[in-house]
Protein backbone atom coordinates (compact mmCIF):
# COMPACT_ATOMS: atom_id res chain seq x y z
CA UNK A 1 168.76 143.90 138.41
CA UNK A 2 165.22 144.05 139.75
CA UNK A 3 163.73 147.52 140.21
CA UNK A 4 161.75 147.91 143.40
CA UNK A 5 158.67 150.05 143.16
CA UNK A 6 158.24 152.90 145.58
CA UNK A 7 155.43 152.02 148.00
CA UNK A 8 153.26 154.99 148.96
CA UNK A 9 150.55 155.21 151.61
CA UNK A 10 148.09 158.11 151.31
CA UNK A 11 146.63 158.60 154.77
CA UNK A 12 143.73 160.83 155.75
CA UNK A 13 141.01 160.93 158.36
CA UNK A 14 138.27 158.71 156.89
CA UNK A 15 139.64 157.16 153.68
CA UNK A 16 136.59 158.46 151.83
CA UNK A 17 137.80 161.29 149.59
CA UNK A 18 141.37 162.63 149.54
CA UNK A 19 143.35 159.47 150.15
CA UNK A 20 141.16 157.42 147.80
CA UNK A 21 141.54 160.00 145.04
CA UNK A 22 145.30 160.28 145.61
CA UNK A 23 145.66 156.50 145.43
CA UNK A 24 143.62 156.44 142.23
CA UNK A 25 145.72 159.16 140.58
CA UNK A 26 148.97 157.55 141.67
CA UNK A 27 147.93 154.21 140.23
CA UNK A 28 146.66 155.78 137.02
CA UNK A 29 149.70 157.96 136.42
CA UNK A 30 152.64 156.02 137.88
CA UNK A 31 151.70 152.36 138.38
CA UNK A 32 154.91 151.39 136.59
CA UNK A 33 157.02 153.13 139.24
CA UNK A 34 155.03 152.82 142.46
CA UNK A 35 152.53 150.83 144.45
CA UNK A 36 149.85 153.10 145.87
CA UNK A 37 147.77 152.41 148.97
CA UNK A 38 145.32 154.48 150.97
CA UNK A 39 143.90 154.27 154.46
CA UNK A 40 142.26 156.38 157.12
CA UNK A 41 142.41 156.75 160.85
CA UNK A 42 138.73 155.87 160.74
CA UNK A 43 136.63 154.19 158.03
CA UNK A 44 133.96 156.50 156.57
CA UNK A 45 133.20 154.56 153.39
CA UNK A 46 134.13 155.45 149.82
CA UNK A 47 132.20 158.58 148.92
CA UNK A 48 130.16 158.33 145.69
CA UNK A 49 131.06 161.93 144.80
CA UNK A 50 134.76 161.04 144.81
CA UNK A 51 134.00 158.08 142.54
CA UNK A 52 132.07 160.35 140.13
CA UNK A 53 134.75 163.06 140.04
CA UNK A 54 137.47 160.51 139.37
CA UNK A 55 135.35 158.76 136.71
CA UNK A 56 134.82 162.12 134.98
CA UNK A 57 138.62 162.45 134.88
CA UNK A 58 138.99 158.91 133.48
CA UNK A 59 140.19 157.19 136.67
CA UNK A 60 138.14 154.30 138.08
CA UNK A 61 138.16 154.00 141.88
CA UNK A 62 134.70 152.42 142.07
CA UNK A 63 136.11 149.11 143.35
CA UNK A 64 138.10 150.71 146.18
CA UNK A 65 137.11 150.01 149.78
CA UNK A 66 137.43 152.36 152.72
CA UNK A 67 139.91 150.94 155.24
CA UNK A 68 141.72 151.92 158.39
CA UNK A 69 145.46 152.07 158.79
CA UNK A 70 145.11 149.79 161.81
CA UNK A 71 143.55 147.04 159.71
CA UNK A 72 146.66 146.69 157.56
CA UNK A 73 148.52 144.45 159.98
CA UNK A 74 148.11 142.57 163.21
CA UNK A 75 148.39 144.54 166.44
CA UNK A 76 151.90 143.52 167.62
CA UNK A 77 153.52 144.16 164.23
CA UNK A 78 151.74 147.28 162.97
CA UNK A 79 154.69 149.67 162.90
CA UNK A 80 157.13 146.99 161.76
CA UNK A 81 154.79 146.21 158.85
CA UNK A 82 154.76 149.81 157.70
CA UNK A 83 158.47 150.34 158.22
CA UNK A 84 159.21 147.29 156.10
CA UNK A 85 156.73 147.65 153.27
CA UNK A 86 156.10 151.35 152.80
CA UNK A 87 158.80 153.67 151.61
CA UNK A 88 156.79 156.90 151.62
CA UNK A 89 153.86 158.11 153.68
CA UNK A 90 151.72 161.01 152.53
CA UNK A 91 149.54 162.61 155.19
CA UNK A 92 146.57 164.36 153.64
CA UNK A 93 145.12 165.68 156.86
CA UNK A 94 146.76 166.99 160.02
CA UNK A 95 144.30 165.06 162.19
CA UNK A 96 145.48 161.82 160.59
CA UNK A 97 149.08 162.55 161.53
CA UNK A 98 148.20 163.26 165.15
CA UNK A 99 145.95 160.20 165.40
CA UNK A 100 148.61 157.99 163.79
CA UNK A 101 150.97 158.68 166.67
CA UNK A 102 148.17 157.74 169.08
CA UNK A 103 147.56 154.43 167.26
CA UNK A 104 151.22 153.56 166.82
CA UNK A 105 153.12 155.06 169.69
CA UNK A 106 156.52 156.11 168.46
CA UNK A 107 155.42 156.46 164.85
CA UNK A 108 156.39 160.12 164.72
CA UNK A 109 159.86 159.36 166.07
CA UNK A 110 160.32 156.48 163.62
CA UNK A 111 159.18 158.55 160.66
CA UNK A 112 161.43 161.44 161.58
CA UNK A 113 164.44 159.13 161.28
CA UNK A 114 163.67 158.20 157.67
CA UNK A 115 166.21 159.37 155.14
CA UNK A 116 165.57 159.72 151.45
CA UNK A 117 168.42 159.27 149.01
CA UNK A 118 168.89 161.29 145.89
CA UNK A 119 169.03 159.41 142.60
CA UNK A 120 171.96 160.00 140.31
């Protein structure tokens, strides 16, 4: 039986600090169990201070690129892409959550219908 990895999107405002660092930690600590991604509502560029802090902790995010959530899929299929491929969304900033619903109308309603099972 093939084990599917949990797919996690860390979303924040500019994909410069928090979401990049969260993606880096997730990959460093749990890459065997999950696929980590990060994005922002806007693209502010990977901050060199975040790279330094993570490097000091032994996690390399230097090759990461700042990206927007909208760039992940083509316009007509944006929400369908995320519903299909991501099993968990982590919002690292309230502004990102509000803006997400503006970008993908109905995203809040779709996310509220998600159910998470409990492992045995």
